[in-house]
């Protein structure tokens, strides 16, 4: 199994930041269950507990590297990249096998 985690710090402060978080979350929600082999897909907004630099994250599990690659190349996933990119300040990601 492959775990795929991506985190974003978004542009803006206050209401602008919250609007950007809503936009990104809505875009990310379109990617749930878009490919066979996607076992889990969760979107989380930072709860503000640890003052982490990240505003929103996706935790996903895939049955194989091929399933993750299919997700990354899927038209729905590719279509959200400009939406996220327009409000993204920074991005972090990790993929690991379990």
Protein backbone atom coordinates (compact mmCIF):
# COMPACT_ATOMS: atom_id res chain seq x y z
CA UNK A 1 0.00 0.00 0.00
CA UNK A 2 1.13 3.56 -0.74
CA UNK A 3 0.34 6.44 1.59
CA UNK A 4 0.21 9.84 -0.15
CA UNK A 5 0.12 12.97 2.02
CA UNK A 6 0.12 16.53 0.66
CA UNK A 7 -0.02 19.75 2.69
CA UNK A 8 -0.45 23.35 1.57
CA UNK A 9 0.11 26.75 3.11
CA UNK A 10 -2.29 29.12 1.41
CA UNK A 11 -2.05 32.82 0.65
CA UNK A 12 -3.93 35.50 2.53
CA UNK A 13 -4.95 36.42 6.05
CA UNK A 14 -8.26 36.33 7.88
CA UNK A 15 -11.31 36.16 5.59
CA UNK A 16 -9.16 35.87 2.45
CA UNK A 17 -7.31 32.86 3.90
CA UNK A 18 -10.60 31.21 4.92
CA UNK A 19 -12.00 31.77 1.43
CA UNK A 20 -8.88 30.20 -0.09
CA UNK A 21 -9.21 27.21 2.25
CA UNK A 22 -12.85 26.73 1.17
CA UNK A 23 -11.88 26.93 -2.53
CA UNK A 24 -9.07 24.41 -2.17
CA UNK A 25 -11.18 22.03 -0.08
CA UNK A 26 -13.98 22.13 -2.66
CA UNK A 27 -11.51 21.42 -5.47
CA UNK A 28 -9.89 18.56 -3.55
CA UNK A 29 -13.28 16.97 -2.82
CA UNK A 30 -13.75 16.36 -6.55
CA UNK A 31 -10.84 13.89 -6.46
CA UNK A 32 -12.33 11.40 -4.00
CA UNK A 33 -12.76 7.90 -5.47
CA UNK A 34 -11.73 8.92 -9.00
CA UNK A 35 -9.53 5.87 -9.63
CA UNK A 36 -9.64 2.16 -8.82
CA UNK A 37 -7.20 1.39 -6.04
CA UNK A 38 -7.86 4.57 -4.05
CA UNK A 39 -8.58 3.08 -0.65
CA UNK A 40 -8.91 6.20 1.48
CA UNK A 41 -9.06 9.96 0.84
CA UNK A 42 -9.35 12.50 3.64
CA UNK A 43 -9.11 16.28 3.54
CA UNK A 44 -8.18 18.05 6.75
CA UNK A 45 -8.08 21.73 7.65
CA UNK A 46 -5.55 22.67 10.31
CA UNK A 47 -7.19 22.84 13.74
CA UNK A 48 -4.71 25.45 14.99
CA UNK A 49 -3.42 23.32 17.84
CA UNK A 50 0.31 23.31 17.07
CA UNK A 51 0.73 26.51 15.03
CA UNK A 52 1.86 24.38 12.10
CA UNK A 53 2.67 26.19 8.85
CA UNK A 54 0.14 24.13 6.86
CA UNK A 55 -3.49 25.17 6.33
CA UNK A 56 -4.95 22.12 4.59
CA UNK A 57 -3.84 18.56 3.91
CA UNK A 58 -4.87 15.44 2.04
CA UNK A 59 -4.21 11.98 3.42
CA UNK A 60 -4.79 9.19 0.92
CA UNK A 61 -4.09 5.49 0.61
CA UNK A 62 -3.61 3.59 -2.63
CA UNK A 63 -3.38 -0.13 -3.25
CA UNK A 64 -0.27 0.26 -5.42
CA UNK A 65 2.15 2.69 -7.03
CA UNK A 66 0.20 2.26 -10.24
CA UNK A 67 -3.03 3.37 -8.54
CA UNK A 68 -1.26 6.48 -7.18
CA UNK A 69 0.15 7.21 -10.64
CA UNK A 70 -3.33 6.83 -12.18
CA UNK A 71 -4.65 9.33 -9.60
CA UNK A 72 -1.87 11.81 -10.29
CA UNK A 73 -2.51 11.64 -14.05
CA UNK A 74 -6.32 11.63 -13.85
CA UNK A 75 -7.96 14.60 -15.64
CA UNK A 76 -9.96 15.54 -12.53
CA UNK A 77 -6.78 15.72 -10.45
CA UNK A 78 -4.95 17.67 -13.16
CA UNK A 79 -7.86 20.11 -13.41
CA UNK A 80 -7.56 21.20 -9.78
CA UNK A 81 -3.86 22.04 -9.97
CA UNK A 82 -4.40 25.58 -11.35
CA UNK A 83 -7.06 26.26 -8.71
CA UNK A 84 -4.76 25.23 -5.88
CA UNK A 85 -1.69 26.78 -7.50
CA UNK A 86 -3.33 30.21 -7.70
CA UNK A 87 -3.70 30.41 -3.90
CA UNK A 88 -0.77 28.28 -2.78
CA UNK A 89 2.14 29.77 -0.89
CA UNK A 90 3.95 26.50 -0.17
CA UNK A 91 3.45 22.76 -0.66
CA UNK A 92 4.86 19.70 1.08
CA UNK A 93 4.33 16.06 0.19
CA UNK A 94 5.41 12.57 1.16
CA UNK A 95 4.69 9.15 -0.32
CA UNK A 96 5.62 5.99 1.54
CA UNK A 97 4.94 2.28 1.39
CA UNK A 98 3.44 0.26 4.20
